[in-house]
Amino acid sequence: MYRWQYQALDAWYRCGRRGVVEAVTGSGKTDVALAAIEHAVNRGLFALVIVPSRVLMEQWFERLNAWLPEAAVGRLGDGYRDRPIDCDVLVTTRHSAASRVPLPPTALGGILVADECHGFGGGVLRKSLLPEYQERLGLTATLERADDAVESILLPYFGGICYRYEFADAIADGVCAQPRVAFLAVPLTDKERETYDETERAIVGARQRLKQIDGIPHHPFGDFLAAVHHLAANDAGPDGRAASEYLDAFSIRREIVATSSAKYTALGQFADPIRDANGALLFTETVPAANHAIVRLDPHIRIELITGETKRSDRTRILDGLREGTLDAVAAPRVLDEGVDVPNANLGIVVSASRTRRQMIQRMGRVLRRKPLGEGACFVIIFASDTMEDPRLVDDRDGFLEEIERIAEASRVFAGTQLGELSGFLRYTGPAVVPEPITVGRFVPPDPLPVQEHDTAQDHLPYLEMVSPELPEIRKPRQTRRPPRLSSGENPVTVISIDGQWVLCCTGCGAQAAPRAYKWQALDDKVDCKCVR
């Protein structure tokens, strides 16, 4: 294992074998889960792996069979109906797990691995997080959502983030390649600019109203946007309506820049860099946008399109073509963002940049996989100048842009008239020396004492701090909002920290459960409430 993988697995063990490993795409977090599953199966536990899609179910099935050749690996979903009692490891989709409820077949229990666990917070998908599994491991590039499901669903279930591995760490370790990043500015047409400016005025007015609400963070922009989503989802009063109006206008503005005709005109100039690259990926937000990209580039290069509707056999053929060099590029509207095992590519072109940090990390990770000596990784972001996408603007600047520039070998903004200079900038052959990742052999777990017997002062590594944005108070809750969890009386309960341990406490009478070493244990407790006696 890489050193970071060993450390991540060790941290998960010391957190009571519950936690989320947050590691950037392309760094090898799947191997962390495979090692955890191997040790669980060797201890007689059943393993359930839950994935977002049928494509990922097949990928995990193949990896598990290669990693655990002696184990019986089954599938549930997409026409497969294997049962827990008939296998050691079962791979299933989130919807199948929520509807079929595959429980551990024996009293020994099991381990649940949730791939891309940030996506499990929805009303239906959260049902796949089965409480009957005592060991729980979540995998994600970044544990972020627009709603409150991280705090209300994911952290209570998994316990917390036990290990975090970012691009800067992966690049320093030689696990990922350091990219060269180019930003290409293109103009809006007169009609696009007119519509954009009109929408921008509506956004500015709505934002001014929102900033007058107590508790709304003004900076950074990501925190402001999270607070707006919180109000729109939960507040039925004027605050919620203002938030919804802002988000509606924000979506319209994003659509304008995402479909800017100049972006697709500029794409035609990328034929030579794409042919020179060792595989290229084009990222768009929608299928029509991907089709526009195909139209511009198809006369010049060998390019294919993958969408959510692409048949499995066609998807395999296309990705094999990119891997073998019979294709120059693949265009995809978001379908390659999560988990899909794409061939090694060293050029990524984003036609419409996402405002979601998680999505940009996933896209960059497709290109930043470790490269051999003499091959560089390049990333191009095409943006509409003087708009929300423009990296040169300070207001509403996406915090991930600073992160990209910080990890880049070099970054530069190019005008549409500088395409020749841009082509030269992209002829990057990588660093003179490629660091060799440190490997530490097979994982040896710490003394696997029962969680209840752990010495918190010695064995417990605390979960990493989650930096969550401040959220404004909901003045008029929507009727569909879930009520707070109640104690045995009539008041909600909360979890507090006392002397390094966690305690479930009634907010009414102050009654407390027994101290626990881990937060997730306290969340599973009950309080003997006295406030209504």
Protein backbone atom coordinates (compact mmCIF):
# COMPACT_ATOMS: atom_id res chain seq x y z
CA MET A 1 0.00 0.00 0.00
CA TYR A 2 0.98 3.62 -0.42
CA ARG A 3 1.93 5.22 2.87
CA TRP A 4 -1.15 7.45 2.85
CA GLN A 5 -3.44 4.45 2.28
CA TYR A 6 -1.91 2.67 5.26
CA GLN A 7 -2.33 5.78 7.42
CA ALA A 8 -5.94 6.20 6.29
CA LEU A 9 -6.82 2.62 7.14
CA ASP A 10 -5.02 2.86 10.47
CA ALA A 11 -6.97 6.03 11.32
CA TRP A 12 -10.24 4.28 10.42
CA TYR A 13 -9.40 1.38 12.73
CA ARG A 14 -8.51 3.71 15.58
CA CYS A 15 -11.78 5.56 15.13
CA GLY A 16 -13.66 2.37 15.96
CA ARG A 17 -13.84 1.14 12.34
CA ARG A 18 -16.29 3.87 11.46
CA GLY A 19 -15.47 6.91 9.41
CA VAL A 20 -15.12 8.62 6.05
CA VAL A 21 -11.90 8.66 4.04
CA GLU A 22 -11.87 11.89 2.06
CA ALA A 23 -9.25 11.53 -0.70
CA VAL A 24 -8.95 13.21 -4.08
CA THR A 25 -9.92 11.34 -7.21
CA GLY A 26 -7.13 9.27 -8.69
CA SER A 27 -5.21 8.77 -5.44
CA GLY A 28 -6.31 5.15 -4.85
CA LYS A 29 -8.92 5.31 -2.09
CA THR A 30 -10.61 2.17 -3.46
CA ASP A 31 -7.60 0.15 -2.28
CA VAL A 32 -8.19 1.44 1.25
CA ALA A 33 -11.68 -0.04 1.17
CA LEU A 34 -10.51 -3.31 -0.39
CA ALA A 35 -8.00 -3.81 2.43
CA ALA A 36 -10.69 -3.01 5.03
CA ILE A 37 -13.05 -5.52 3.39
CA GLU A 38 -10.31 -8.17 3.30
CA HIS A 39 -9.66 -7.87 7.04
CA ALA A 40 -13.38 -7.84 7.84
CA VAL A 41 -14.03 -10.99 5.79
CA ASN A 42 -11.05 -12.68 7.46
CA ARG A 43 -12.70 -11.94 10.82
CA GLY A 44 -15.88 -13.67 9.64
CA LEU A 45 -17.87 -10.52 8.84
CA PHE A 46 -20.10 -10.04 5.82
CA ALA A 47 -19.21 -7.12 3.52
CA LEU A 48 -21.71 -4.91 1.68
CA VAL A 49 -20.40 -2.45 -0.92
CA ILE A 50 -22.90 0.21 -2.06
CA VAL A 51 -22.14 2.21 -5.22
CA PRO A 52 -23.93 4.96 -7.17
CA SER A 53 -24.30 3.22 -10.53
CA ARG A 54 -24.40 -0.07 -12.41
CA VAL A 55 -21.10 0.77 -14.10
CA LEU A 56 -19.40 1.14 -10.73
CA MET A 57 -21.02 -2.08 -9.54
CA GLU A 58 -19.23 -3.94 -12.33
CA GLN A 59 -15.93 -2.18 -11.59
CA TRP A 60 -16.10 -3.08 -7.90
CA PHE A 61 -17.12 -6.65 -8.72
CA GLU A 62 -14.00 -7.08 -10.88
CA ARG A 63 -11.69 -5.45 -8.32
CA LEU A 64 -13.07 -7.53 -5.45
CA ASN A 65 -12.65 -10.79 -7.36
CA ALA A 66 -9.05 -9.88 -8.15
CA TRP A 67 -8.29 -8.75 -4.57
CA LEU A 68 -10.13 -11.61 -2.82
CA PRO A 69 -9.88 -14.59 -5.20
CA GLU A 70 -11.01 -17.05 -2.50
CA ALA A 71 -14.12 -15.08 -1.51
CA ALA A 72 -17.61 -15.42 -2.98
CA VAL A 73 -18.54 -12.04 -4.47
CA GLY A 74 -22.13 -11.35 -5.47
CA ARG A 75 -24.14 -8.57 -7.12
CA LEU A 76 -27.56 -7.11 -6.38
CA GLY A 77 -29.21 -4.86 -8.95
CA ASP A 78 -29.17 -4.45 -12.75
CA GLY A 79 -30.76 -7.89 -13.12
CA TYR A 80 -28.56 -9.62 -10.53
CA ARG A 81 -30.26 -11.08 -7.46
CA ASP A 82 -27.49 -12.56 -5.32
CA ARG A 83 -28.32 -12.91 -1.61
CA PRO A 84 -26.11 -12.11 1.39
CA ILE A 85 -26.39 -15.68 2.64
CA ASP A 86 -24.81 -16.97 -0.57
CA CYS A 87 -21.70 -14.77 -0.64
CA ASP A 88 -18.97 -13.18 1.47
CA VAL A 89 -19.14 -9.79 -0.26
CA LEU A 90 -22.14 -8.26 -2.01
CA VAL A 91 -21.92 -5.26 -4.36
CA THR A 92 -25.13 -3.32 -4.91
CA THR A 93 -26.40 0.03 -6.09
CA ARG A 94 -27.81 2.58 -3.67
CA HIS A 95 -31.37 2.14 -4.94
CA SER A 96 -31.18 -1.67 -4.67
CA ALA A 97 -29.79 -1.45 -1.14
CA ALA A 98 -32.57 0.94 -0.12
CA SER A 99 -35.34 -1.25 -1.57
CA ARG A 100 -33.95 -4.77 -0.96
CA VAL A 101 -32.30 -4.13 2.46
CA PRO A 102 -29.49 -6.73 2.26
CA LEU A 103 -28.67 -7.41 5.93
CA PRO A 104 -25.69 -9.37 7.34
CA PRO A 105 -26.62 -13.06 7.22
CA THR A 106 -25.08 -14.00 10.59
CA ALA A 107 -24.93 -12.64 14.13
CA LEU A 108 -21.29 -11.62 13.57
CA GLY A 109 -22.55 -8.64 11.59
CA GLY A 110 -20.77 -6.88 8.79
CA ILE A 111 -18.97 -3.96 7.23
CA LEU A 112 -20.72 -1.46 4.95
CA VAL A 113 -18.63 0.44 2.40
CA ALA A 114 -20.32 3.41 0.72
CA ASP A 115 -18.55 4.59 -2.42
CA GLU A 116 -19.10 8.28 -3.30
CA CYS A 117 -20.81 8.55 0.09
CA HIS A 118 -21.61 12.26 -0.33
CA GLY A 119 -24.47 11.16 -2.58
CA PHE A 120 -26.27 9.13 0.11
CA GLY A 121 -28.07 12.06 1.77
CA GLY A 122 -31.22 12.16 -0.38
CA GLY A 123 -34.59 11.15 1.00
CA VAL A 124 -34.56 7.69 -0.63
CA LEU A 125 -30.83 6.98 -0.88
CA ARG A 126 -30.21 7.58 2.82
CA LYS A 127 -32.29 4.43 3.44
CA SER A 128 -29.41 2.40 2.02
CA LEU A 129 -27.27 3.35 5.04
CA LEU A 130 -28.36 0.32 7.02
CA PRO A 131 -27.89 0.56 10.81
CA GLU A 132 -27.40 -3.22 11.13
CA TYR A 133 -23.77 -2.90 9.95
CA GLN A 134 -21.51 -2.12 12.89
CA GLU A 135 -18.44 -1.28 10.77
CA ARG A 136 -18.87 1.57 8.29
CA LEU A 137 -16.50 3.14 5.76
CA GLY A 138 -17.40 6.02 3.47
CA LEU A 139 -15.33 7.04 0.45
CA THR A 140 -15.50 10.45 -1.20
CA ALA A 141 -13.34 13.07 -2.87
CA THR A 142 -14.92 15.74 -0.71
CA LEU A 143 -17.76 15.45 1.80
CA GLU A 144 -19.87 18.38 0.63
CA ARG A 145 -23.55 18.85 -0.17
CA ALA A 146 -25.83 21.82 -0.78
CA ASP A 147 -28.26 20.66 1.92
CA ASP A 148 -27.76 19.73 5.59
CA ALA A 149 -27.47 15.98 4.99
CA VAL A 150 -23.75 15.90 5.87
CA GLU A 151 -24.49 17.03 9.42
CA SER A 152 -27.88 15.34 9.82
CA ILE A 153 -27.33 12.01 8.02
CA LEU A 154 -23.77 11.23 6.93
CA LEU A 155 -21.70 12.26 9.95
CA PRO A 156 -24.06 10.61 12.45
CA TYR A 157 -23.94 7.39 10.43
CA PHE A 158 -20.22 7.21 9.68
CA GLY A 159 -18.98 9.05 12.77
CA GLY A 160 -16.86 11.66 11.00
CA ILE A 161 -13.95 12.12 8.62
CA CYS A 162 -11.13 9.91 9.87
CA TYR A 163 -8.59 10.81 7.17
CA ARG A 164 -8.22 13.54 4.56
CA TYR A 165 -5.87 13.45 1.55
CA GLU A 166 -5.79 16.49 -0.73
CA PHE A 167 -4.17 17.21 -4.10
CA ALA A 168 -1.24 19.04 -2.52
CA ASP A 169 -0.44 15.94 -0.43
CA ALA A 170 -0.91 13.54 -3.36
CA ILE A 171 1.30 15.62 -5.65
CA ALA A 172 4.04 15.93 -3.01
CA ASP A 173 3.94 12.15 -2.48
CA GLY A 174 4.12 11.40 -6.20
CA VAL A 175 0.71 9.72 -6.10
CA CYS A 176 -0.82 12.30 -8.46
CA ALA A 177 0.69 14.45 -11.21
CA GLN A 178 1.15 18.20 -10.83
CA PRO A 179 -0.92 19.92 -13.54
CA ARG A 180 -0.30 22.87 -15.78
CA VAL A 181 -3.56 24.87 -15.87
CA ALA A 182 -4.74 27.20 -18.63
CA PHE A 183 -7.77 29.49 -18.48
CA LEU A 184 -9.13 30.53 -21.89
CA ALA A 185 -11.34 33.63 -22.04
CA VAL A 186 -14.07 33.85 -24.68
CA PRO A 187 -16.65 36.63 -25.13
CA LEU A 188 -20.42 36.41 -24.91
CA THR A 189 -22.41 37.41 -27.99
CA ASP A 190 -24.37 40.66 -27.81
CA LYS A 191 -27.61 38.76 -27.19
CA GLU A 192 -26.01 36.52 -24.56
CA ARG A 193 -24.51 39.57 -22.83
CA GLU A 194 -27.86 41.36 -22.77
CA THR A 195 -29.59 38.36 -21.17
CA TYR A 196 -26.69 37.83 -18.80
CA ASP A 197 -26.66 41.46 -17.61
CA GLU A 198 -30.42 41.39 -17.07
CA THR A 199 -30.13 38.23 -14.99
CA GLU A 200 -27.14 39.68 -13.15
CA ARG A 201 -29.21 42.67 -12.03
CA ALA A 202 -31.85 40.33 -10.62
CA ILE A 203 -29.14 38.39 -8.77
CA VAL A 204 -27.58 41.54 -7.32
CA GLY A 205 -30.97 42.70 -6.03
CA ALA A 206 -31.77 39.31 -4.52
CA ARG A 207 -28.33 39.08 -2.93
CA GLN A 208 -28.71 42.50 -1.33
CA ARG A 209 -31.96 41.33 0.28
CA LEU A 210 -30.35 38.09 1.45
CA LYS A 211 -27.37 39.84 3.02
CA GLN A 212 -29.76 41.75 5.28
CA ILE A 213 -30.86 38.48 6.90
CA ASP A 214 -29.21 37.81 10.24
CA GLY A 215 -26.81 34.88 10.16
CA ILE A 216 -26.10 34.94 6.41
CA PRO A 217 -22.31 34.73 5.90
CA HIS A 218 -21.17 37.23 3.28
CA HIS A 219 -17.82 35.56 2.55
CA PRO A 220 -16.54 33.25 1.24
CA PHE A 221 -18.97 32.79 -1.60
CA GLY A 222 -19.31 29.05 -1.03
CA ASP A 223 -20.54 29.64 2.53
CA PHE A 224 -23.00 32.27 1.33
CA LEU A 225 -24.37 29.88 -1.28
CA ALA A 226 -24.73 27.07 1.26
CA ALA A 227 -26.74 29.38 3.51
CA VAL A 228 -28.98 30.36 0.59
CA HIS A 229 -29.65 26.70 -0.23
CA HIS A 230 -30.45 26.11 3.45
CA LEU A 231 -33.07 28.89 3.46
CA ALA A 232 -34.60 27.85 0.14
CA ALA A 233 -35.03 24.26 1.33
CA ASN A 234 -36.30 24.94 4.85
CA ASP A 235 -37.86 28.40 5.16
CA ALA A 236 -41.45 28.94 3.98
CA GLY A 237 -41.40 32.69 4.73
CA PRO A 238 -40.00 35.72 2.89
CA ASP A 239 -36.41 34.64 3.59
CA GLY A 240 -36.98 31.32 1.85
CA ARG A 241 -38.70 33.02 -1.10
CA ALA A 242 -35.79 35.45 -1.50
CA ALA A 243 -33.38 32.52 -1.44
CA SER A 244 -35.39 30.64 -4.07
CA GLU A 245 -35.52 33.70 -6.32
CA TYR A 246 -31.77 34.08 -6.04
CA LEU A 247 -31.13 30.41 -6.88
CA ASP A 248 -33.50 30.53 -9.87
CA ALA A 249 -31.69 33.55 -11.30
CA PHE A 250 -28.34 31.97 -10.48
CA SER A 251 -29.28 28.85 -12.48
CA ILE A 252 -30.34 30.96 -15.47
CA ARG A 253 -27.05 32.86 -15.36
CA ARG A 254 -25.08 29.63 -15.16
CA GLU A 255 -26.96 28.23 -18.16
CA ILE A 256 -26.12 31.33 -20.21
CA VAL A 257 -22.37 30.96 -19.68
CA ALA A 258 -22.45 27.17 -19.97
CA THR A 259 -23.99 27.32 -23.44
CA SER A 260 -22.00 30.31 -24.73
CA SER A 261 -21.52 29.80 -28.47
CA ALA A 262 -17.98 31.20 -28.36
CA LYS A 263 -16.86 28.29 -26.18
CA TYR A 264 -17.68 25.78 -28.88
CA THR A 265 -16.16 27.95 -31.59
CA ALA A 266 -12.94 28.02 -29.54
CA LEU A 267 -13.03 24.24 -29.17
CA GLY A 268 -12.27 23.85 -32.86
CA GLN A 269 -8.85 25.37 -32.18
CA PHE A 270 -7.94 22.55 -29.77
CA ALA A 271 -7.62 19.85 -32.42
CA ASP A 272 -3.80 19.93 -32.47
CA PRO A 273 -3.33 19.86 -28.64
CA ILE A 274 -5.83 17.00 -28.41
CA ARG A 275 -4.03 14.99 -31.10
CA ASP A 276 -0.70 15.62 -29.35
CA ALA A 277 -2.07 14.53 -25.96
CA ASN A 278 -1.99 11.00 -24.62
CA GLY A 279 -5.79 10.92 -24.37
CA ALA A 280 -8.12 13.87 -23.77
CA LEU A 281 -11.37 14.25 -21.82
CA LEU A 282 -13.95 16.99 -22.51
CA PHE A 283 -16.25 17.82 -19.61
CA THR A 284 -19.61 19.52 -20.15
CA GLU A 285 -22.69 20.04 -17.99
CA THR A 286 -25.38 18.82 -20.42
CA VAL A 287 -25.84 16.38 -23.30
CA PRO A 288 -26.59 19.20 -25.81
CA ALA A 289 -23.33 20.88 -24.75
CA ALA A 290 -21.43 17.63 -25.32
CA ASN A 291 -23.05 17.31 -28.74
CA HIS A 292 -21.93 20.86 -29.61
CA ALA A 293 -18.38 19.87 -28.68
CA ILE A 294 -18.58 16.79 -30.90
CA VAL A 295 -19.82 18.87 -33.85
CA ARG A 296 -16.88 21.27 -33.54
CA LEU A 297 -14.18 18.66 -33.13
CA ASP A 298 -15.38 15.63 -35.08
CA PRO A 299 -14.09 16.88 -38.46
CA HIS A 300 -10.57 17.21 -37.02
CA ILE A 301 -10.05 14.43 -34.44
CA ARG A 302 -11.36 11.01 -33.47
CA ILE A 303 -13.85 11.73 -30.71
CA GLU A 304 -16.83 9.88 -29.19
CA LEU A 305 -19.60 10.82 -26.75
CA ILE A 306 -20.58 9.04 -23.53
CA THR A 307 -23.85 9.91 -21.78
CA GLY A 308 -25.94 8.30 -19.09
CA GLU A 309 -27.89 6.55 -21.86
CA THR A 310 -24.84 5.01 -23.53
CA LYS A 311 -25.10 1.21 -23.55
CA ARG A 312 -22.61 -0.69 -21.45
CA SER A 313 -21.04 -2.37 -24.49
CA ASP A 314 -20.66 0.97 -26.29
CA ARG A 315 -19.19 2.61 -23.20
CA THR A 316 -16.61 -0.18 -22.92
CA ARG A 317 -15.77 0.11 -26.61
CA ILE A 318 -15.31 3.89 -26.36
CA LEU A 319 -13.14 3.82 -23.24
CA ASP A 320 -11.07 0.97 -24.71
CA GLY A 321 -10.60 3.09 -27.83
CA LEU A 322 -9.22 5.94 -25.73
CA ARG A 323 -6.99 3.53 -23.83
CA GLU A 324 -5.63 1.91 -27.00
CA GLY A 325 -5.20 5.16 -28.91
CA THR A 326 -7.78 4.56 -31.63
CA LEU A 327 -9.68 7.54 -30.20
CA ASP A 328 -8.19 10.96 -29.43
CA ALA A 329 -10.82 12.17 -27.00
CA VAL A 330 -14.06 11.41 -25.18
CA ALA A 331 -16.73 14.00 -24.41
CA ALA A 332 -19.02 13.46 -21.44
CA PRO A 333 -21.75 15.50 -19.72
CA ARG A 334 -20.98 14.86 -16.03
CA VAL A 335 -21.24 11.07 -16.43
CA LEU A 336 -17.46 10.65 -15.96
CA ASP A 337 -17.39 12.89 -12.88
CA GLU A 338 -18.01 10.15 -10.32
CA GLY A 339 -16.11 6.95 -9.96
CA VAL A 340 -16.04 5.63 -13.53
CA ASP A 341 -12.66 4.04 -14.23
CA VAL A 342 -11.53 6.02 -17.28
CA PRO A 343 -8.25 5.37 -19.10
CA ASN A 344 -5.24 7.47 -18.30
CA ALA A 345 -5.53 10.85 -20.03
CA ASN A 346 -3.21 13.82 -19.73
CA LEU A 347 -5.41 16.61 -21.12
CA GLY A 348 -8.71 17.71 -19.61
CA ILE A 349 -10.86 20.45 -21.15
CA VAL A 350 -13.74 21.89 -19.15
CA VAL A 351 -16.24 23.68 -21.37
CA SER A 352 -18.42 24.84 -18.49
CA ALA A 353 -16.78 24.98 -15.09
CA SER A 354 -18.87 23.81 -12.17
CA ARG A 355 -19.33 25.95 -9.08
CA THR A 356 -19.12 22.72 -7.08
CA ARG A 357 -15.70 22.07 -5.61
CA ARG A 358 -16.40 18.34 -5.43
CA GLN A 359 -17.16 18.12 -9.16
CA MET A 360 -14.03 20.04 -10.12
CA ILE A 361 -11.89 17.79 -7.89
CA GLN A 362 -13.42 14.73 -9.54
CA ARG A 363 -12.80 16.11 -13.01
CA MET A 364 -9.21 17.09 -12.29
CA GLY A 365 -8.58 13.68 -10.74
CA ARG A 366 -9.35 12.02 -14.08
CA VAL A 367 -6.35 13.80 -15.58
CA LEU A 368 -3.99 14.00 -12.59
CA ARG A 369 -3.37 10.30 -12.17
CA ARG A 370 0.33 9.50 -11.75
CA LYS A 371 2.25 10.01 -15.01
CA PRO A 372 5.48 8.42 -16.27
CA LEU A 373 8.59 10.52 -16.78
CA GLY A 374 8.26 12.69 -19.88
CA GLU A 375 4.47 13.07 -19.74
CA GLY A 376 2.77 16.10 -18.23
CA ALA A 377 -0.82 16.68 -17.13
CA CYS A 378 -2.67 19.73 -18.48
CA PHE A 379 -6.05 21.14 -17.63
CA VAL A 380 -7.92 23.79 -19.63
CA ILE A 381 -10.92 25.73 -18.32
CA ILE A 382 -12.81 27.70 -20.98
CA PHE A 383 -14.72 30.58 -19.39
CA ALA A 384 -16.92 33.44 -20.52
CA SER A 385 -15.05 36.67 -19.80
CA ASP A 386 -16.54 39.24 -17.43
CA THR A 387 -18.98 36.70 -16.02
CA MET A 388 -19.32 34.57 -12.90
CA GLU A 389 -16.82 32.11 -14.48
CA ASP A 390 -14.04 34.69 -14.91
CA PRO A 391 -11.11 33.78 -12.60
CA ARG A 392 -9.84 37.36 -12.81
CA LEU A 393 -12.84 38.73 -10.92
CA VAL A 394 -12.65 38.97 -7.14
CA ASP A 395 -16.34 39.10 -6.27
CA ASP A 396 -18.00 35.68 -6.00
CA ARG A 397 -14.70 34.01 -6.94
CA ASP A 398 -14.94 30.27 -6.49
CA GLY A 399 -12.59 29.21 -3.70
CA PHE A 400 -11.51 26.19 -5.73
CA LEU A 401 -9.80 28.47 -8.25
CA GLU A 402 -7.26 29.41 -5.60
CA GLU A 403 -6.79 25.72 -4.87
CA ILE A 404 -6.16 24.96 -8.55
CA GLU A 405 -3.64 27.79 -8.85
CA ARG A 406 -1.90 26.72 -5.63
CA ILE A 407 -1.27 23.15 -6.78
CA ALA A 408 -0.49 23.95 -10.43
CA GLU A 409 3.00 23.76 -11.86
CA ALA A 410 2.00 26.91 -13.75
CA SER A 411 -1.30 28.65 -14.47
CA ARG A 412 -2.12 31.39 -16.94
CA VAL A 413 -5.11 33.18 -18.43
CA PHE A 414 -5.21 33.38 -22.25
CA ALA A 415 -7.34 35.56 -24.47
CA GLY A 416 -9.08 34.12 -27.49
CA THR A 417 -6.47 35.77 -29.72
CA GLN A 418 -3.62 33.88 -27.99
CA LEU A 419 -4.42 30.37 -29.16
CA GLY A 420 -0.91 29.89 -30.54
CA GLU A 421 0.62 30.74 -27.19
CA LEU A 422 -1.92 28.47 -25.50
CA SER A 423 -0.87 25.53 -27.69
CA GLY A 424 2.74 26.09 -26.71
CA PHE A 425 1.79 26.30 -23.04
CA LEU A 426 0.06 22.92 -23.30
CA ARG A 427 3.17 21.21 -24.73
CA TYR A 428 4.19 20.28 -21.21
CA THR A 429 6.27 17.15 -20.73
CA GLY A 430 6.11 17.06 -16.95
CA PRO A 431 8.75 17.52 -14.26
CA ALA A 432 12.41 16.58 -14.65
CA VAL A 433 12.02 14.11 -11.78
CA VAL A 434 8.87 12.13 -10.94
CA PRO A 435 8.69 11.40 -7.19
CA GLU A 436 8.28 7.73 -6.33
CA PRO A 437 5.42 7.16 -3.86
CA ILE A 438 6.43 5.62 -0.57
CA THR A 439 5.00 2.14 -0.13
CA VAL A 440 4.74 0.34 3.20
CA GLY A 441 3.60 -3.18 2.36
CA ARG A 442 0.43 -4.88 3.51
CA PHE A 443 -1.73 -3.35 6.21
CA VAL A 444 -1.36 -4.70 9.75
CA PRO A 445 -4.33 -3.55 11.85
CA PRO A 446 -3.84 -2.26 15.37
CA ASP A 447 -4.87 -4.49 18.24
CA PRO A 448 -8.52 -5.14 17.32
CA LEU A 449 -10.00 -4.77 20.78
CA PRO A 450 -13.76 -4.23 20.99
CA VAL A 451 -14.55 -0.56 20.57
CA GLN A 452 -15.97 -0.29 24.09
CA GLU A 453 -12.60 -1.33 25.57
CA HIS A 454 -10.46 1.19 23.71
CA ASP A 455 -8.40 3.57 25.81
CA THR A 456 -9.45 6.93 24.42
CA ALA A 457 -6.32 8.64 25.70
CA GLN A 458 -4.02 6.26 23.81
CA ASP A 459 -5.83 4.57 20.94
CA HIS A 460 -8.45 7.04 19.77
CA LEU A 461 -7.54 9.40 16.95
CA PRO A 462 -10.24 12.08 16.89
CA TYR A 463 -12.26 12.67 13.76
CA LEU A 464 -11.04 15.57 11.69
CA GLU A 465 -12.79 18.87 12.09
CA MET A 466 -15.54 19.59 9.59
CA VAL A 467 -15.54 23.26 8.64
CA SER A 468 -19.23 23.87 8.01
CA PRO A 469 -20.63 27.25 6.98
CA GLU A 470 -22.73 29.22 9.42
CA LEU A 471 -26.41 28.79 8.61
CA PRO A 472 -29.08 31.41 9.30
CA GLU A 473 -32.02 30.78 11.58
CA ILE A 474 -35.17 29.42 9.95
CA ARG A 475 -37.91 31.88 10.87
CA LYS A 476 -40.83 30.02 9.31
CA PRO A 477 -40.08 26.30 8.97
CA ARG A 478 -41.61 24.37 6.12
CA GLN A 479 -44.15 21.82 7.29
CA THR A 480 -42.25 19.02 5.54
CA ARG A 481 -39.12 19.69 7.57
CA ARG A 482 -38.15 16.76 9.74
CA PRO A 483 -38.69 17.44 13.46
CA PRO A 484 -35.63 17.39 15.71
CA ARG A 485 -34.81 14.08 17.32
CA LEU A 486 -36.60 13.90 20.66
CA SER A 487 -35.50 12.43 23.93
CA SER A 488 -37.91 10.18 25.84
CA GLY A 489 -39.73 13.35 26.92
CA GLU A 490 -40.59 16.31 24.74
CA ASN A 491 -37.27 18.05 24.14
CA PRO A 492 -34.59 17.42 21.51
CA VAL A 493 -31.32 15.75 22.37
CA THR A 494 -27.84 16.89 21.51
CA VAL A 495 -24.34 15.43 21.68
CA ILE A 496 -21.78 17.26 23.82
CA SER A 497 -18.08 16.72 24.51
CA ILE A 498 -16.98 16.23 28.13
CA ASP A 499 -13.34 15.53 29.01
CA GLY A 500 -12.60 14.12 25.58
CA GLN A 501 -15.63 11.81 25.54
CA TRP A 502 -19.06 12.13 23.95
CA VAL A 503 -22.35 12.30 25.84
CA LEU A 504 -25.95 12.35 24.63
CA CYS A 505 -27.82 15.03 26.57
CA CYS A 506 -31.49 16.14 26.79
CA THR A 507 -31.75 19.88 26.08
CA GLY A 508 -34.69 20.17 28.46
CA CYS A 509 -33.76 18.64 31.81
CA GLY A 510 -30.06 18.07 31.08
CA ALA A 511 -30.25 14.31 31.65
CA GLN A 512 -27.22 12.54 30.17
CA ALA A 513 -26.41 9.08 28.89
CA ALA A 514 -23.15 7.35 29.75
CA PRO A 515 -19.94 8.85 28.29
CA ARG A 516 -18.75 7.22 25.09
CA ALA A 517 -15.35 7.05 23.41
CA TYR A 518 -16.80 7.78 19.98
CA LYS A 519 -19.36 10.30 18.82
CA TRP A 520 -21.23 7.69 16.78
CA GLN A 521 -21.73 5.61 19.94
CA ALA A 522 -23.34 8.58 21.68
CA LEU A 523 -25.60 9.16 18.68
CA ASP A 524 -26.85 5.57 19.01
CA ASP A 525 -27.66 6.05 22.72
CA LYS A 526 -30.91 6.91 24.50
CA VAL A 527 -31.47 9.34 27.37
CA ASP A 528 -33.49 8.60 30.49
CA CYS A 529 -35.30 11.95 30.29
CA LYS A 530 -36.81 13.49 33.47
CA CYS A 531 -38.19 16.77 32.14
CA VAL A 532 -41.81 15.53 31.86
CA ARG A 533 -42.02 13.54 35.09
